[in-house]
């Protein structure tokens, strides 16, 4: 099993769970997506970020 650190979107607490124990909100992964020079969707991701 692979553990990934997650961060609460509301209170900013770090956890390994999908839901924050402090405020019962969703958490997001803090790890960046893997980079690939052959990425077909890179320009769409960049456009979405702006």
Protein backbone atom coordinates (compact mmCIF):
# COMPACT_ATOMS: atom_id res chain seq x y z
CA UNK A 1 0.00 0.00 0.00
CA UNK A 2 1.26 3.44 -0.90
CA UNK A 3 0.69 6.32 1.48
CA UNK A 4 0.44 9.84 0.17
CA UNK A 5 0.31 12.95 2.26
CA UNK A 6 -2.87 15.00 1.90
CA UNK A 7 -3.81 18.52 3.01
CA UNK A 8 -7.20 19.79 4.16
CA UNK A 9 -8.62 22.49 1.89
CA UNK A 10 -10.30 24.32 4.78
CA UNK A 11 -8.05 24.23 7.86
CA UNK A 12 -4.71 23.36 6.21
CA UNK A 13 -4.01 20.30 8.39
CA UNK A 14 -1.96 17.45 6.91
CA UNK A 15 -3.30 13.88 7.03
CA UNK A 16 -3.25 10.54 5.19
CA UNK A 17 -7.05 10.29 5.04
CA UNK A 18 -9.55 11.42 2.38
CA UNK A 19 -11.54 13.42 4.97
CA UNK A 20 -10.01 15.77 7.57
CA UNK A 21 -10.61 14.68 11.18
CA UNK A 22 -10.64 18.27 12.50
CA UNK A 23 -13.26 19.83 10.21
CA UNK A 24 -14.74 16.94 8.14
CA UNK A 25 -13.77 18.53 4.80
CA UNK A 26 -12.20 16.94 1.72
CA UNK A 27 -8.42 16.75 1.44
CA UNK A 28 -6.17 17.20 -1.62
CA UNK A 29 -2.93 15.48 -2.48
CA UNK A 30 0.12 17.68 -1.93
CA UNK A 31 2.29 15.74 -4.39
CA UNK A 32 2.75 17.15 -7.91
CA UNK A 33 1.73 15.15 -10.96
CA UNK A 34 4.45 13.10 -12.65
CA UNK A 35 6.30 14.91 -15.43
CA UNK A 36 6.64 13.38 -18.85
CA UNK A 37 8.19 15.11 -21.88
CA UNK A 38 5.77 13.15 -24.10
CA UNK A 39 2.69 14.55 -22.33
CA UNK A 40 -0.07 15.06 -24.92
CA UNK A 41 -2.21 17.22 -22.61
CA UNK A 42 0.45 19.63 -21.31
CA UNK A 43 -0.88 22.71 -23.10
CA UNK A 44 -4.41 22.06 -21.82
CA UNK A 45 -3.15 21.81 -18.23
CA UNK A 46 -1.17 25.04 -18.60
CA UNK A 47 -4.19 26.82 -20.12
CA UNK A 48 -6.39 25.55 -17.27
CA UNK A 49 -3.92 26.86 -14.69
CA UNK A 50 -3.99 30.43 -16.08
